[in-house]
C-alpha atoms as a PDB file:
ATOM      1  CA  MET A   1      43.265  22.057   5.698  1.00  0.00           C
ATOM      2  CA  LEU A   2      43.108  25.148   3.463  1.00  0.00           C
ATOM      3  CA  GLU A   3      40.908  23.677   0.739  1.00  0.00           C
ATOM      4  CA  GLN A   4      37.212  24.434   1.153  1.00  0.00           C
ATOM      5  CA  SER A   5      35.132  23.276  -1.821  1.00  0.00           C
ATOM      6  CA  ALA A   6      35.928  19.554  -1.458  1.00  0.00           C
ATOM      7  CA  SER A   7      35.438  19.614   2.295  1.00  0.00           C
ATOM      8  CA  GLN A   8      31.986  21.088   1.712  1.00  0.00           C
ATOM      9  CA  THR A   9      31.147  18.444  -0.905  1.00  0.00           C
ATOM     10  CA  LEU A  10      32.528  15.295   0.709  1.00  0.00           C
ATOM     11  CA  GLU A  11      30.875  13.458   3.602  1.00  0.00           C
ATOM     12  CA  VAL A  12      32.455  11.448   6.398  1.00  0.00           C
ATOM     13  CA  GLY A  13      33.566   8.131   4.894  1.00  0.00           C
ATOM     14  CA  ASP A  14      33.887   9.426   1.308  1.00  0.00           C
ATOM     15  CA  LEU A  15      37.066   8.644  -0.628  1.00  0.00           C
ATOM     16  CA  THR A  16      38.801  10.500  -3.428  1.00  0.00           C
ATOM     17  CA  PHE A  17      41.534   9.473  -5.860  1.00  0.00           C
ATOM     18  CA  THR A  18      44.167  12.185  -5.904  1.00  0.00           C
ATOM     19  CA  ARG A  19      47.808  13.117  -5.396  1.00  0.00           C
ATOM     20  CA  VAL A  20      48.747  14.821  -2.130  1.00  0.00           C
ATOM     21  CA  ILE A  21      51.535  17.404  -2.281  1.00  0.00           C
ATOM     22  CA  THR A  22      52.996  18.671   0.997  1.00  0.00           C
ATOM     23  CA  ALA A  23      55.103  21.813   1.142  1.00  0.00           C
ATOM     24  CA  GLY A  24      55.683  24.510   3.714  1.00  0.00           C
ATOM     25  CA  GLY A  25      53.687  22.660   6.334  1.00  0.00           C
ATOM     26  CA  ALA A  26      50.548  22.486   4.185  1.00  0.00           C
ATOM     27  CA  SER A  27      49.180  19.703   1.995  1.00  0.00           C
ATOM     28  CA  ILE A  28      47.154  20.206  -1.166  1.00  0.00           C
ATOM     29  CA  LEU A  29      45.334  17.837  -3.531  1.00  0.00           C
ATOM     30  CA  ILE A  30      46.569  17.798  -7.122  1.00  0.00           C
ATOM     31  CA  GLY A  31      44.519  16.258  -9.932  1.00  0.00           C
ATOM     32  CA  ALA A  32      41.671  14.997  -7.752  1.00  0.00           C
ATOM     33  CA  CYS A  33      39.258  12.691  -9.549  1.00  0.00           C
ATOM     34  CA  PRO A  34      35.831  14.237 -10.308  1.00  0.00           C
ATOM     35  CA  TRP A  35      33.942  11.285  -8.833  1.00  0.00           C
ATOM     36  CA  VAL A  36      33.206  10.909  -5.134  1.00  0.00           C
ATOM     37  CA  ILE A  37      33.865   7.321  -4.050  1.00  0.00           C
ATOM     38  CA  PRO A  38      31.389   6.319  -1.299  1.00  0.00           C
ATOM     39  CA  ALA A  39      32.371   4.478   1.870  1.00  0.00           C
ATOM     40  CA  SER A  40      31.041   1.187   0.487  1.00  0.00           C
ATOM     41  CA  TRP A  41      34.249   0.978  -1.599  1.00  0.00           C
ATOM     42  CA  HIS A  42      36.596   1.466   1.359  1.00  0.00           C
ATOM     43  CA  ILE A  43      36.979  -2.231   2.210  1.00  0.00           C
ATOM     44  CA  PRO A  44      37.494  -3.335  -1.440  1.00  0.00           C
ATOM     45  CA  ILE A  45      40.236  -0.683  -1.651  1.00  0.00           C
ATOM     46  CA  ILE A  46      41.820  -2.058   1.529  1.00  0.00           C
ATOM     47  CA  ASP A  47      41.724  -5.500  -0.136  1.00  0.00           C
ATOM     48  CA  VAL A  48      43.575  -4.092  -3.160  1.00  0.00           C
ATOM     49  CA  ARG A  49      46.213  -2.474  -0.942  1.00  0.00           C
ATOM     50  CA  GLU A  50      46.727  -5.659   1.078  1.00  0.00           C
ATOM     51  CA  ARG A  51      47.251  -7.678  -2.097  1.00  0.00           C
ATOM     52  CA  PHE A  52      50.175  -5.365  -2.895  1.00  0.00           C
ATOM     53  CA  ARG A  53      51.621  -5.432   0.632  1.00  0.00           C
ATOM     54  CA  PRO A  54      49.679  -7.461   3.221  1.00  0.00           C
ATOM     55  CA  LYS A  55      51.325  -6.371   6.487  1.00  0.00           C
ATOM     56  CA  LYS A  56      52.491  -2.755   6.082  1.00  0.00           C
ATOM     57  CA  LEU A  57      51.614   0.435   4.249  1.00  0.00           C
ATOM     58  CA  LEU A  58      53.136   0.903   0.806  1.00  0.00           C
ATOM     59  CA  THR A  59      56.341   2.892   0.532  1.00  0.00           C
ATOM     60  CA  ARG A  60      56.589   5.794  -1.917  1.00  0.00           C
ATOM     61  CA  GLU A  61      58.614   3.656  -4.319  1.00  0.00           C
ATOM     62  CA  GLU A  62      56.146   0.769  -4.133  1.00  0.00           C
ATOM     63  CA  LEU A  63      53.267   3.169  -4.703  1.00  0.00           C
ATOM     64  CA  GLN A  64      54.900   4.386  -7.909  1.00  0.00           C
ATOM     65  CA  GLY A  65      55.557   0.800  -8.932  1.00  0.00           C
ATOM     66  CA  TYR A  66      51.866  -0.058  -8.653  1.00  0.00           C
ATOM     67  CA  ASN A  67      50.833   2.997 -10.674  1.00  0.00           C
ATOM     68  CA  PHE A  68      49.067   0.949 -13.383  1.00  0.00           C
ATOM     69  CA  GLU A  69      47.271  -1.350 -10.945  1.00  0.00           C
ATOM     70  CA  LEU A  70      46.025   1.588  -8.851  1.00  0.00           C
ATOM     71  CA  ARG A  71      44.673   3.414 -11.893  1.00  0.00           C
ATOM     72  CA  GLN A  72      43.045   0.204 -13.064  1.00  0.00           C
ATOM     73  CA  ALA A  73      41.319  -0.188  -9.690  1.00  0.00           C
ATOM     74  CA  TYR A  74      40.162   3.438  -9.857  1.00  0.00           C
ATOM     75  CA  HIS A  75      38.645   3.030 -13.326  1.00  0.00           C
ATOM     76  CA  LYS A  76      36.900  -0.167 -12.196  1.00  0.00           C
ATOM     77  CA  ILE A  77      35.306   1.722  -9.301  1.00  0.00           C
ATOM     78  CA  VAL A  78      34.210   4.633 -11.490  1.00  0.00           C
ATOM     79  CA  ASP A  79      32.708   2.243 -14.037  1.00  0.00           C
ATOM     80  CA  ALA A  80      30.727   0.565 -11.249  1.00  0.00           C
ATOM     81  CA  LEU A  81      29.532   3.958  -9.964  1.00  0.00           C
ATOM     82  CA  LEU A  82      28.422   5.075 -13.426  1.00  0.00           C
ATOM     83  CA  HIS A  83      26.887   1.748 -14.423  1.00  0.00           C
ATOM     84  CA  PRO A  84      25.596   0.168 -11.186  1.00  0.00           C
ATOM     85  CA  LYS A  85      24.441  -3.423 -11.298  1.00  0.00           C
ATOM     86  CA  MET A  86      21.219  -4.551  -9.734  1.00  0.00           C
ATOM     87  CA  PRO A  87      21.865  -5.798  -6.196  1.00  0.00           C
ATOM     88  CA  VAL A  88      21.620  -9.501  -5.443  1.00  0.00           C
ATOM     89  CA  MET A  89      18.325  -9.822  -3.616  1.00  0.00           C
ATOM     90  CA  GLN A  90      17.834 -12.583  -1.070  1.00  0.00           C
ATOM     91  CA  ASN A  91      15.256 -13.599   1.470  1.00  0.00           C
ATOM     92  CA  THR A  92      16.036 -13.878   5.180  1.00  0.00           C
ATOM     93  CA  ASP A  93      17.360 -17.435   4.700  1.00  0.00           C
ATOM     94  CA  GLY A  94      19.918 -16.225   2.165  1.00  0.00           C
ATOM     95  CA  ASP A  95      18.160 -17.658  -0.916  1.00  0.00           C
ATOM     96  CA  ALA A  96      17.882 -15.646  -4.132  1.00  0.00           C
ATOM     97  CA  LEU A  97      14.433 -14.123  -4.493  1.00  0.00           C
ATOM     98  CA  GLU A  98      12.126 -15.885  -6.914  1.00  0.00           C
ATOM     99  CA  LEU A  99       8.530 -14.817  -6.404  1.00  0.00           C
ATOM    100  CA  THR A 100       6.283 -17.817  -6.999  1.00  0.00           C
ATOM    101  CA  THR A 101       2.501 -18.197  -7.009  1.00  0.00           C
ATOM    102  CA  LEU A 102       1.051 -21.717  -6.960  1.00  0.00           C
ATOM    103  CA  THR A 103      -2.658 -22.142  -7.710  1.00  0.00           C
ATOM    104  CA  TYR A 104      -4.491 -25.316  -6.665  1.00  0.00           C
ATOM    105  CA  VAL A 105      -8.065 -26.376  -7.338  1.00  0.00           C
ATOM    106  CA  LEU A 106      -9.628 -27.804  -4.178  1.00  0.00           C
ATOM    107  CA  GLY A 107     -11.943 -30.798  -4.033  1.00  0.00           C
ATOM    108  CA  ILE A 108     -12.863 -30.205  -0.375  1.00  0.00           C
ATOM    109  CA  PRO A 109     -14.601 -27.352   1.489  1.00  0.00           C
ATOM    110  CA  ALA A 110     -12.496 -24.392   2.556  1.00  0.00           C
ATOM    111  CA  ALA A 111     -12.992 -25.219   6.253  1.00  0.00           C
ATOM    112  CA  VAL A 112     -11.562 -28.702   5.766  1.00  0.00           C
ATOM    113  CA  ALA A 113      -8.596 -27.407   3.772  1.00  0.00           C
ATOM    114  CA  VAL A 114      -7.800 -24.807   6.437  1.00  0.00           C
ATOM    115  CA  GLU A 115      -8.017 -27.399   9.213  1.00  0.00           C
ATOM    116  CA  ARG A 116      -5.636 -29.735   7.418  1.00  0.00           C
ATOM    117  CA  LEU A 117      -3.158 -26.947   6.567  1.00  0.00           C
ATOM    118  CA  THR A 118      -3.166 -25.375  10.045  1.00  0.00           C
ATOM    119  CA  PRO A 119       0.033 -27.228  11.171  1.00  0.00           C
ATOM    120  CA  LEU A 120       1.954 -25.142   8.616  1.00  0.00           C
ATOM    121  CA  ALA A 121       0.718 -21.953  10.301  1.00  0.00           C
ATOM    122  CA  ARG A 122       1.178 -23.081  13.887  1.00  0.00           C
ATOM    123  CA  LEU A 123       4.042 -21.827  16.040  1.00  0.00           C
ATOM    124  CA  ARG A 124       4.246 -22.401  19.792  1.00  0.00           C
ATOM    125  CA  ASP A 125       0.597 -23.465  20.017  1.00  0.00           C
ATOM    126  CA  GLU A 126      -0.605 -20.371  18.139  1.00  0.00           C
ATOM    127  CA  ALA A 127      -2.185 -20.678  14.691  1.00  0.00           C
ATOM    128  CA  HIS A 128      -1.396 -17.728  12.425  1.00  0.00           C
ATOM    129  CA  ILE A 129      -4.670 -17.542  10.503  1.00  0.00           C
ATOM    130  CA  ALA A 130      -6.280 -14.275   9.430  1.00  0.00           C
ATOM    131  CA  GLU A 131      -8.905 -12.790   7.096  1.00  0.00           C
ATOM    132  CA  GLU A 132     -11.410 -15.511   7.982  1.00  0.00           C
ATOM    133  CA  ALA A 133     -14.790 -15.079   6.298  1.00  0.00           C
ATOM    134  CA  CYS A 134     -17.937 -17.195   6.687  1.00  0.00           C
ATOM    135  CA  ASP A 135     -21.097 -17.642   4.630  1.00  0.00           C
ATOM    136  CA  ASP A 136     -24.654 -17.122   5.868  1.00  0.00           C
ATOM    137  CA  THR A 137     -24.685 -20.539   7.522  1.00  0.00           C
ATOM    138  CA  GLY A 138     -21.522 -19.800   9.498  1.00  0.00           C
ATOM    139  CA  ALA A 139     -19.348 -22.133   7.436  1.00  0.00           C
ATOM    140  CA  LEU A 140     -15.817 -20.915   6.742  1.00  0.00           C
ATOM    141  CA  ARG A 141     -15.640 -19.528   3.222  1.00  0.00           C
ATOM    142  CA  SER A 142     -12.072 -18.206   3.057  1.00  0.00           C
ATOM    143  CA  ALA A 143      -8.982 -17.603   5.177  1.00  0.00           C
ATOM    144  CA  THR A 144      -5.297 -16.686   4.934  1.00  0.00           C
ATOM    145  CA  LEU A 145      -2.663 -18.821   6.636  1.00  0.00           C
ATOM    146  CA  THR A 146       0.893 -17.648   7.306  1.00  0.00           C
ATOM    147  CA  TRP A 147       3.414 -20.435   6.764  1.00  0.00           C
ATOM    148  CA  ILE A 148       5.874 -19.857   9.592  1.00  0.00           C
ATOM    149  CA  LYS A 149       8.818 -21.418  11.410  1.00  0.00           C
ATOM    150  CA  ALA A 150      10.720 -20.685  14.613  1.00  0.00           C
ATOM    151  CA  GLY A 151      14.001 -18.754  14.454  1.00  0.00           C
ATOM    152  CA  ASN A 152      15.962 -17.643  11.396  1.00  0.00           C
ATOM    153  CA  ARG A 153      19.009 -19.129   9.714  1.00  0.00           C
ATOM    154  CA  LYS A 154      20.796 -15.789   9.172  1.00  0.00           C
ATOM    155  CA  MET A 155      19.279 -13.477  11.782  1.00  0.00           C
ATOM    156  CA  LYS A 156      19.994 -15.264  15.065  1.00  0.00           C
ATOM    157  CA  GLY A 157      18.077 -12.683  17.064  1.00  0.00           C
ATOM    158  CA  TRP A 158      14.818 -13.246  15.157  1.00  0.00           C
ATOM    159  CA  ASP A 159      12.080 -15.165  16.914  1.00  0.00           C
ATOM    160  CA  ASN A 160      10.469 -16.556  13.742  1.00  0.00           C
ATOM    161  CA  THR A 161      10.519 -16.513   9.951  1.00  0.00           C
ATOM    162  CA  THR A 162       7.579 -16.167   7.583  1.00  0.00           C
ATOM    163  CA  LEU A 163       8.034 -18.697   4.782  1.00  0.00           C
ATOM    164  CA  GLY A 164       4.976 -17.924   2.683  1.00  0.00           C
ATOM    165  CA  THR A 165       1.250 -17.213   2.516  1.00  0.00           C
ATOM    166  CA  LEU A 166      -1.578 -19.641   1.802  1.00  0.00           C
ATOM    167  CA  ARG A 167      -4.937 -18.173   0.740  1.00  0.00           C
ATOM    168  CA  VAL A 168      -7.879 -20.557   0.821  1.00  0.00           C
ATOM    169  CA  ASN A 169     -11.338 -19.927  -0.658  1.00  0.00           C
ATOM    170  CA  GLU A 170     -14.289 -22.125  -1.573  1.00  0.00           C
ATOM    171  CA  SER A 171     -12.618 -23.598  -4.659  1.00  0.00           C
ATOM    172  CA  GLN A 172      -8.944 -22.651  -4.647  1.00  0.00           C
ATOM    173  CA  LEU A 173      -5.730 -22.588  -2.692  1.00  0.00           C
ATOM    174  CA  VAL A 174      -3.272 -19.873  -3.752  1.00  0.00           C
ATOM    175  CA  VAL A 175       0.251 -20.135  -2.290  1.00  0.00           C
ATOM    176  CA  GLU A 176       2.810 -17.310  -2.419  1.00  0.00           C
ATOM    177  CA  VAL A 177       6.485 -18.070  -1.650  1.00  0.00           C
ATOM    178  CA  ASN A 178       9.679 -16.438  -2.861  1.00  0.00           C
ATOM    179  CA  PRO A 179      12.585 -18.880  -3.390  1.00  0.00           C
ATOM    180  CA  ALA A 180      12.636 -22.098  -5.408  1.00  0.00           C
ATOM    181  CA  ARG A 181      13.714 -24.081  -2.336  1.00  0.00           C
ATOM    182  CA  ARG A 182      10.597 -23.059  -0.414  1.00  0.00           C
ATOM    183  CA  ARG A 183       8.423 -23.707  -3.464  1.00  0.00           C
ATOM    184  CA  ARG A 184       9.599 -27.297  -3.653  1.00  0.00           C
ATOM    185  CA  ARG A 185       9.083 -27.732   0.070  1.00  0.00           C
ATOM    186  CA  ILE A 186       5.552 -26.306   0.143  1.00  0.00           C
ATOM    187  CA  GLU A 187       4.531 -28.513  -2.790  1.00  0.00           C
ATOM    188  CA  LYS A 188       5.533 -31.542  -0.700  1.00  0.00           C
ATOM    189  CA  GLU A 189       3.707 -30.182   2.358  1.00  0.00           C
ATOM    190  CA  ILE A 190       0.485 -29.623   0.402  1.00  0.00           C
ATOM    191  CA  ALA A 191       0.698 -33.117  -1.059  1.00  0.00           C
ATOM    192  CA  LYS A 192       1.170 -34.411   2.494  1.00  0.00           C
ATOM    193  CA  TYR A 193      -1.794 -32.571   4.038  1.00  0.00           C
ATOM    194  CA  LEU A 194      -4.245 -32.388   1.115  1.00  0.00           C
ATOM    195  CA  GLY A 195      -3.242 -35.303  -1.120  1.00  0.00           C
ATOM    196  CA  SER A 196      -5.474 -35.793  -4.150  1.00  0.00           C
ATOM    197  CA  THR A 197      -7.983 -33.206  -2.902  1.00  0.00           C
ATOM    198  CA  ALA A 198      -5.706 -30.415  -4.219  1.00  0.00           C
ATOM    199  CA  THR A 199      -4.682 -30.235  -7.884  1.00  0.00           C
ATOM    200  CA  LEU A 200      -1.934 -27.852  -8.997  1.00  0.00           C
ATOM    201  CA  VAL A 201      -3.217 -25.987 -12.073  1.00  0.00           C
ATOM    202  CA  ASP A 202      -0.841 -23.037 -12.402  1.00  0.00           C
ATOM    203  CA  THR A 203       2.673 -21.986 -11.394  1.00  0.00           C
ATOM    204  CA  THR A 204       3.804 -18.410 -11.975  1.00  0.00           C
ATOM    205  CA  ILE A 205       7.443 -17.517 -11.282  1.00  0.00           C
ATOM    206  CA  THR A 206       8.719 -13.924 -11.363  1.00  0.00           C
ATOM    207  CA  ASP A 207      12.418 -13.086 -11.344  1.00  0.00           C
ATOM    208  CA  LEU A 208      12.340 -10.015  -9.111  1.00  0.00           C
ATOM    209  CA  ALA A 209      15.719  -8.671 -10.221  1.00  0.00           C
ATOM    210  CA  GLU A 210      14.714  -8.956 -13.891  1.00  0.00           C
ATOM    211  CA  ALA A 211      11.337  -7.334 -13.236  1.00  0.00           C
ATOM    212  CA  LEU A 212      12.931  -4.415 -11.384  1.00  0.00           C
ATOM    213  CA  GLU A 213      15.540  -3.937 -14.114  1.00  0.00           C
ATOM    214  CA  GLN A 214      12.814  -3.835 -16.793  1.00  0.00           C
ATOM    215  CA  ARG A 215      10.866  -1.334 -14.707  1.00  0.00           C
ATOM    216  CA  ARG A 216      13.967   0.810 -14.177  1.00  0.00           C
ATOM    217  CA  GLN A 217      14.607   0.921 -17.937  1.00  0.00           C
ATOM    218  CA  SER A 218      11.007   1.829 -18.715  1.00  0.00           C
ATOM    219  CA  PRO A 219      10.687   5.417 -20.104  1.00  0.00           C
ATOM    220  CA  SER A 220       7.793   6.051 -17.733  1.00  0.00           C
ATOM    221  CA  PHE A 221       9.693   4.946 -14.632  1.00  0.00           C
ATOM    222  CA  GLN A 222      10.210   7.521 -11.907  1.00  0.00           C
ATOM    223  CA  PRO A 223      11.858   6.532  -8.614  1.00  0.00           C
ATOM    224  CA  SER A 224       9.387   6.774  -5.775  1.00  0.00           C
ATOM    225  CA  HIS A 225      10.138   7.750  -2.203  1.00  0.00           C
ATOM    226  CA  LEU A 226       9.404   4.603  -0.223  1.00  0.00           C
ATOM    227  CA  LEU A 227       9.718   6.160   3.201  1.00  0.00           C
ATOM    228  CA  ALA A 228       6.647   7.106   5.171  1.00  0.00           C
ATOM    229  CA  PRO A 229       6.417  10.855   5.822  1.00  0.00           C
ATOM    230  CA  ALA A 230       8.180  11.923   8.987  1.00  0.00           C
ATOM    231  CA  ASP A 231       4.878  13.205  10.363  1.00  0.00           C
ATOM    232  CA  SER A 232       3.116   9.868   9.793  1.00  0.00           C
ATOM    233  CA  PRO A 233       3.224   8.335  13.286  1.00  0.00           C
ATOM    234  CA  ARG A 234       3.363   4.588  13.888  1.00  0.00           C
ATOM    235  CA  PRO A 235       1.670   2.994  16.893  1.00  0.00           C
ATOM    236  CA  ALA A 236       3.825   3.134  20.020  1.00  0.00           C
ATOM    237  CA  GLU A 237       3.493  -0.653  20.432  1.00  0.00           C
ATOM    238  CA  LEU A 238       4.924  -1.215  16.938  1.00  0.00           C
ATOM    239  CA  GLN A 239       7.781   1.189  17.604  1.00  0.00           C
ATOM    240  CA  ALA A 240       8.626  -0.667  20.817  1.00  0.00           C
ATOM    241  CA  ILE A 241       8.627  -4.040  19.027  1.00  0.00           C
ATOM    242  CA  GLU A 242      10.837  -2.688  16.219  1.00  0.00           C
ATOM    243  CA  ALA A 243      13.252  -1.156  18.721  1.00  0.00           C
ATOM    244  CA  GLU A 244      13.568  -4.426  20.650  1.00  0.00           C
ATOM    245  CA  LEU A 245      14.132  -6.461  17.458  1.00  0.00           C
ATOM    246  CA  ALA A 246      16.743  -3.952  16.306  1.00  0.00           C
ATOM    247  CA  ARG A 247      18.517  -4.096  19.661  1.00  0.00           C
ATOM    248  CA  LYS A 248      18.678  -7.902  19.525  1.00  0.00           C
ATOM    249  CA  HIS A 249      19.911  -7.831  15.930  1.00  0.00           C
ATOM    250  CA  TRP A 250      22.791  -5.414  16.545  1.00  0.00           C
ATOM    251  CA  ASP A 251      23.758  -7.093  19.831  1.00  0.00           C
ATOM    252  CA  ALA A 252      24.004 -10.384  17.914  1.00  0.00           C
ATOM    253  CA  TRP A 253      25.908  -8.650  15.084  1.00  0.00           C
ATOM    254  CA  LEU A 254      28.784  -7.892  17.453  1.00  0.00           C
ATOM    255  CA  ASP A 255      29.489 -11.645  17.700  1.00  0.00           C
ATOM    256  CA  THR A 256      28.557 -12.617  14.130  1.00  0.00           C
ATOM    257  CA  LYS A 257      31.238 -13.460  11.560  1.00  0.00           C
ATOM    258  CA  VAL A 258      31.233 -10.762   8.849  1.00  0.00           C
ATOM    259  CA  PRO A 259      32.802 -11.504   5.417  1.00  0.00           C
ATOM    260  CA  ALA A 260      33.949  -7.870   5.042  1.00  0.00           C
ATOM    261  CA  LEU A 261      35.952  -8.323   8.248  1.00  0.00           C
ATOM    262  CA  GLY A 262      37.715 -11.444   6.971  1.00  0.00           C
ATOM    263  CA  ASN A 263      35.042 -13.710   8.496  1.00  0.00           C
ATOM    264  CA  ARG A 264      35.851 -12.358  11.933  1.00  0.00           C
ATOM    265  CA  THR A 265      33.257 -11.000  14.325  1.00  0.00           C
ATOM    266  CA  PRO A 266      33.277  -7.241  15.007  1.00  0.00           C
ATOM    267  CA  ARG A 267      34.565  -7.919  18.535  1.00  0.00           C
ATOM    268  CA  GLN A 268      37.429 -10.005  17.141  1.00  0.00           C
ATOM    269  CA  ALA A 269      38.238  -7.429  14.449  1.00  0.00           C
ATOM    270  CA  ALA A 270      38.381  -4.636  17.035  1.00  0.00           C
ATOM    271  CA  LYS A 271      41.407  -6.318  18.667  1.00  0.00           C
ATOM    272  CA  THR A 272      43.804  -5.632  15.771  1.00  0.00           C
ATOM    273  CA  SER A 273      44.773  -2.463  13.907  1.00  0.00           C
ATOM    274  CA  SER A 274      43.885  -3.984  10.521  1.00  0.00           C
ATOM    275  CA  GLY A 275      40.566  -5.193  11.884  1.00  0.00           C
ATOM    276  CA  ARG A 276      39.774  -1.782  13.365  1.00  0.00           C
ATOM    277  CA  GLU A 277      40.482  -0.148   9.998  1.00  0.00           C
ATOM    278  CA  ARG A 278      37.963  -2.462   8.358  1.00  0.00           C
ATOM    279  CA  LEU A 279      35.450  -1.885  11.147  1.00  0.00           C
ATOM    280  CA  GLU A 280      35.704   1.879  10.769  1.00  0.00           C
ATOM    281  CA  ALA A 281      35.172   1.508   7.014  1.00  0.00           C
ATOM    282  CA  LEU A 282      32.183  -0.783   7.501  1.00  0.00           C
ATOM    283  CA  LEU A 283      30.564   1.510  10.061  1.00  0.00           C
ATOM    284  CA  ALA A 284      31.151   4.523   7.784  1.00  0.00           C
ATOM    285  CA  ASP A 285      29.317   2.650   5.038  1.00  0.00           C
ATOM    286  CA  TYR A 286      26.435   1.875   7.433  1.00  0.00           C
ATOM    287  CA  SER A 287      26.338   5.537   8.423  1.00  0.00           C
ATOM    288  CA  GLN A 288      26.162   6.762   4.818  1.00  0.00           C
ATOM    289  CA  LYS A 289      23.315   4.377   4.082  1.00  0.00           C
ATOM    290  CA  SER A 290      21.396   5.557   7.127  1.00  0.00           C
ATOM    291  CA  LEU A 291      17.927   6.935   6.497  1.00  0.00           C
ATOM    292  CA  SER A 292      18.112   9.678   9.110  1.00  0.00           C
ATOM    293  CA  GLY A 293      16.619   7.647  11.916  1.00  0.00           C
ATOM    294  CA  ARG A 294      13.323   6.843  10.218  1.00  0.00           C
ATOM    295  CA  ASN A 295      14.071   3.130  10.164  1.00  0.00           C
ATOM    296  CA  ALA A 296      14.192   1.473  13.576  1.00  0.00           C
ATOM    297  CA  PHE A 297      16.695  -1.100  12.285  1.00  0.00           C
ATOM    298  CA  GLU A 298      19.359   1.462  11.395  1.00  0.00           C
ATOM    299  CA  PRO A 299      22.432   0.931  13.573  1.00  0.00           C
ATOM    300  CA  ASP A 300      23.378   3.326  16.343  1.00  0.00           C
ATOM    301  CA  ILE A 301      26.920   3.932  15.109  1.00  0.00           C
ATOM    302  CA  VAL A 302      28.026   5.765  18.253  1.00  0.00           C
ATOM    303  CA  ALA A 303      26.760   2.971  20.521  1.00  0.00           C
ATOM    304  CA  LEU A 304      28.392   0.256  18.374  1.00  0.00           C
ATOM    305  CA  LYS A 305      31.719   2.078  18.444  1.00  0.00           C
ATOM    306  CA  GLN A 306      31.545   2.371  22.221  1.00  0.00           C
ATOM    307  CA  LYS A 307      30.839  -1.340  22.605  1.00  0.00           C
ATOM    308  CA  LEU A 308      33.765  -2.134  20.286  1.00  0.00           C
ATOM    309  CA  GLY A 309      36.140   0.274  21.996  1.00  0.00           C
ATOM    310  CA  LEU A 310      36.520   2.441  18.911  1.00  0.00           C
ATOM    311  CA  GLY A 311      35.915   5.704  20.769  1.00  0.00           C
END
């Protein structure tokens, strides 16, 4: 490789749209596109190639024959890079995010409301109730209940799933959930446990994607760095818990069907050349999106490759 500027600009997993000319034992890039295509586009490009010729690589003649289609795919990618769409945001059950706040007026004391609602916050004989406050007589004045369930529909390695938060005070119950499906379910649960003693007086629904888009388009908006400083230590106990959850997640991922792999598991994909190509592309995308080890849930790419026999 004699070229230097591109090799200093591109990262592992990056793609470029260009013409390769080989002569005298050396290859050069002619007319390379000015836009770096990140690894996240590798699998869609494989999909395009396989639509042209599913089983084998394209011949030189076929490549020339698909000149228009290839350029069209390139322009589609560049347009997406220059005008990115807001990502589809979902909760851990796979439902589209819809932040909802339900406000009820209570006709019973806070202590009674909390007692009746406790089954929603109980998991394996433990009640997840916090921020309890009492008045001068010792009577419960307010508390926060975590609506919780065992396991998770998408993340098989997760022990539980938080469904919402219920905040009780002397006169009100405020419920916070994020998808419409959970909102409908919690309304039924509150009717079941509190009946006529709780009256729904307000429902506020926020479309998170719309709110973020409006904020992004605001003249005063400046992207903020959401990561904690590298020198801001987290408790060792929390780090250990995060590491264990991450280990379980990525161990389960190896045997989870992945749409990008043709609904095959990574272990299944690793058994074929086409599957390995997609795996390498997927892992390159994961690597590019890595946050330099600050997030315990980032995959260990080297370890995953070893487990999949990818070297």
